[in-house]
Amino acid sequence: MTSRQKQIFRELRLAMKASQYSNLSKREKIIYKNAFKNGYKLAQNHIKKKKEYKPRKIINYQFRNINPSIVDSVINRVCVKYEVHKKTLMGKCRTQDVVRARNIIHNILNDKYNMNLTNIGRYFGQDHTTVLHSIQMKANKERFWSPEQTIWNEYLDLIN
């Protein structure tokens, strides 16, 4: 018997001392032993296969702190295009036209100016995850960004 097998049996004996083990029938005890052995072996194999985590480096991508006047000019252009008042846009209003305008601003600031999500969210009093959701909607072509929508042409007009 190898040392590994001895270790498995030692741990199995220890597990059999559990308080409810004595109440099991003979068939249930056999099932318990086999399940414990198999589970132990699977766990050992999983530990061996565990890979070391190496974070990925993103090369040549840098978030920029852009001038607030640029952000204001983008916001003003979108407000004029969608006929939305700036106070409404910066507030908590969630009507479709306001949300759509905010969504376009999030994407312009992220795509064109490489502004990070936290700073974009701060302008609107939003969390970075809200901005991330807007950007993911465009990437996944969902809701406003579905292919049959006109938002793509409007976005390209605003970005240029």
Protein backbone atom coordinates (compact mmCIF):
# COMPACT_ATOMS: atom_id res chain seq x y z
CA MET A 1 0.00 0.00 0.00
CA THR A 2 1.46 3.37 -1.03
CA SER A 3 1.67 6.36 1.25
CA ARG A 4 -1.02 8.11 -0.78
CA GLN A 5 -3.45 5.23 -0.27
CA LYS A 6 -2.66 5.18 3.45
CA GLN A 7 -3.43 8.89 3.62
CA ILE A 8 -6.76 8.35 1.86
CA PHE A 9 -7.72 5.58 4.30
CA ARG A 10 -6.71 7.68 7.32
CA GLU A 11 -8.93 10.50 6.12
CA LEU A 12 -11.72 8.05 5.34
CA ARG A 13 -11.58 6.60 8.87
CA LEU A 14 -11.70 10.11 10.27
CA ALA A 15 -14.75 10.91 8.12
CA MET A 16 -16.44 7.70 9.35
CA LYS A 17 -16.29 8.99 12.90
CA ALA A 18 -18.85 11.63 11.94
CA SER A 19 -21.86 11.56 14.26
CA GLN A 20 -24.45 10.52 11.66
CA TYR A 21 -22.27 7.80 10.05
CA SER A 22 -23.19 5.21 12.67
CA ASN A 23 -26.90 5.62 11.81
CA LEU A 24 -26.38 4.60 8.16
CA SER A 25 -27.34 1.17 6.80
CA LYS A 26 -24.64 -1.18 5.44
CA ARG A 27 -25.53 -0.24 1.82
CA GLU A 28 -25.44 3.49 2.64
CA LYS A 29 -22.03 3.07 4.31
CA ILE A 30 -20.63 1.44 1.14
CA ILE A 31 -22.03 4.27 -0.98
CA TYR A 32 -20.59 6.83 1.47
CA LYS A 33 -17.12 5.22 1.36
CA ASN A 34 -17.06 5.06 -2.44
CA ALA A 35 -18.32 8.61 -2.80
CA PHE A 36 -15.72 9.86 -0.34
CA LYS A 37 -12.89 8.03 -2.13
CA ASN A 38 -13.97 9.28 -5.55
CA GLY A 39 -14.49 12.82 -4.31
CA TYR A 40 -11.09 12.81 -2.64
CA LYS A 41 -9.39 11.58 -5.83
CA LEU A 42 -11.18 14.21 -7.93
CA ALA A 43 -10.14 16.93 -5.52
CA GLN A 44 -6.52 15.80 -5.63
CA ASN A 45 -6.53 15.77 -9.44
CA HIS A 46 -8.11 19.22 -9.51
CA ILE A 47 -5.45 20.62 -7.19
CA LYS A 48 -2.69 19.19 -9.39
CA LYS A 49 -4.18 20.73 -12.54
CA LYS A 50 -4.59 24.18 -11.01
CA LYS A 51 -2.89 26.75 -13.22
CA GLU A 52 -1.04 29.78 -12.02
CA TYR A 53 -2.89 33.04 -12.61
CA LYS A 54 -1.08 35.50 -14.84
CA PRO A 55 -2.78 38.85 -15.37
CA ARG A 56 -2.89 40.07 -18.94
CA LYS A 57 -1.24 43.31 -19.91
CA ILE A 58 -3.13 45.67 -22.13
CA ILE A 59 -0.55 47.26 -24.40
CA ASN A 60 -0.84 50.71 -25.97
CA TYR A 61 -4.14 51.60 -24.32
CA GLN A 62 -4.24 54.51 -21.97
CA PHE A 63 -7.16 56.24 -20.35
CA ARG A 64 -7.03 59.97 -20.75
CA ASN A 65 -8.15 62.78 -18.53
CA ILE A 66 -9.72 65.09 -21.04
CA ASN A 67 -10.53 68.75 -20.68
CA PRO A 68 -14.00 69.34 -19.14
CA SER A 69 -14.79 71.76 -21.95
CA ILE A 70 -14.54 68.87 -24.45
CA VAL A 71 -16.99 66.82 -22.38
CA ASP A 72 -19.35 69.80 -22.21
CA SER A 73 -19.14 70.31 -25.96
CA VAL A 74 -20.02 66.63 -26.56
CA ILE A 75 -22.93 66.90 -24.13
CA ASN A 76 -24.16 70.11 -25.79
CA ARG A 77 -23.97 68.58 -29.30
CA VAL A 78 -26.02 65.58 -28.16
CA CYS A 79 -28.53 67.81 -26.34
CA VAL A 80 -29.08 69.86 -29.51
CA LYS A 81 -29.31 66.78 -31.74
CA TYR A 82 -31.87 65.01 -29.51
CA GLU A 83 -33.62 68.13 -28.22
CA VAL A 84 -32.99 67.21 -24.60
CA HIS A 85 -32.39 69.80 -21.90
CA LYS A 86 -28.96 69.52 -20.27
CA LYS A 87 -30.43 69.56 -16.74
CA THR A 88 -32.70 66.66 -17.63
CA LEU A 89 -29.79 64.77 -19.16
CA MET A 90 -27.64 65.21 -16.05
CA GLY A 91 -30.52 64.31 -13.72
CA LYS A 92 -32.08 61.01 -12.76
CA CYS A 93 -34.72 60.99 -15.52
CA ARG A 94 -35.06 57.59 -17.23
CA THR A 95 -37.31 58.31 -20.18
CA GLN A 96 -36.26 56.65 -23.42
CA ASP A 97 -35.09 59.79 -25.24
CA VAL A 98 -32.92 60.88 -22.30
CA VAL A 99 -31.46 57.41 -21.76
CA ARG A 100 -30.69 57.13 -25.46
CA ALA A 101 -28.87 60.49 -25.45
CA ARG A 102 -26.89 59.50 -22.33
CA ASN A 103 -26.02 56.20 -23.96
CA ILE A 104 -24.58 57.95 -27.00
CA ILE A 105 -22.54 60.31 -24.81
CA HIS A 106 -21.13 57.37 -22.83
CA ASN A 107 -20.04 55.67 -26.03
CA ILE A 108 -18.55 58.82 -27.60
CA LEU A 109 -16.51 59.62 -24.49
CA ASN A 110 -15.29 56.03 -24.23
CA ASP A 111 -14.58 55.37 -27.94
CA LYS A 112 -13.31 58.69 -29.19
CA TYR A 113 -11.65 60.12 -26.09
CA ASN A 114 -10.65 56.89 -24.22
CA MET A 115 -12.15 58.26 -21.03
CA ASN A 116 -12.45 55.73 -18.22
CA LEU A 117 -15.86 54.54 -17.02
CA THR A 118 -15.60 56.05 -13.55
CA ASN A 119 -14.92 59.55 -14.85
CA ILE A 120 -17.72 59.30 -17.40
CA GLY A 121 -20.09 58.20 -14.65
CA ARG A 122 -19.06 61.09 -12.41
CA TYR A 123 -20.29 63.63 -14.96
CA PHE A 124 -23.76 62.13 -14.79
CA GLY A 125 -23.79 61.10 -11.14
CA GLN A 126 -23.80 57.44 -12.19
CA ASP A 127 -21.87 54.35 -11.23
CA HIS A 128 -19.20 53.03 -13.62
CA THR A 129 -21.25 49.86 -14.10
CA THR A 130 -24.10 51.91 -15.60
CA VAL A 131 -21.66 53.34 -18.13
CA LEU A 132 -20.28 49.84 -18.77
CA HIS A 133 -23.81 48.62 -19.49
CA SER A 134 -24.25 51.39 -22.08
CA ILE A 135 -21.00 50.44 -23.78
CA GLN A 136 -21.84 46.73 -23.73
CA MET A 137 -25.25 47.45 -25.27
CA LYS A 138 -23.47 49.00 -28.25
CA ALA A 139 -20.96 46.14 -28.47
CA ASN A 140 -23.72 43.51 -28.32
CA LYS A 141 -26.05 45.53 -30.60
CA GLU A 142 -28.88 45.47 -28.08
CA ARG A 143 -31.86 47.77 -27.53
CA PHE A 144 -31.04 51.18 -29.02
CA TRP A 145 -28.06 49.74 -30.88
CA SER A 146 -29.85 47.00 -32.79
CA PRO A 147 -28.97 47.01 -36.52
CA GLU A 148 -32.38 48.29 -37.64
CA GLN A 149 -32.10 51.43 -35.47
CA THR A 150 -30.96 54.80 -36.84
CA ILE A 151 -28.70 55.41 -33.86
CA TRP A 152 -25.64 54.10 -35.73
CA ASN A 153 -25.81 56.89 -38.33
CA GLU A 154 -26.50 59.49 -35.64
CA TYR A 155 -23.55 58.21 -33.60
CA LEU A 156 -21.21 58.41 -36.60
CA ASP A 157 -22.39 61.98 -37.33
CA LEU A 158 -21.68 63.01 -33.74
CA ILE A 159 -18.31 61.29 -33.52
CA ASN A 160 -16.93 63.06 -36.60
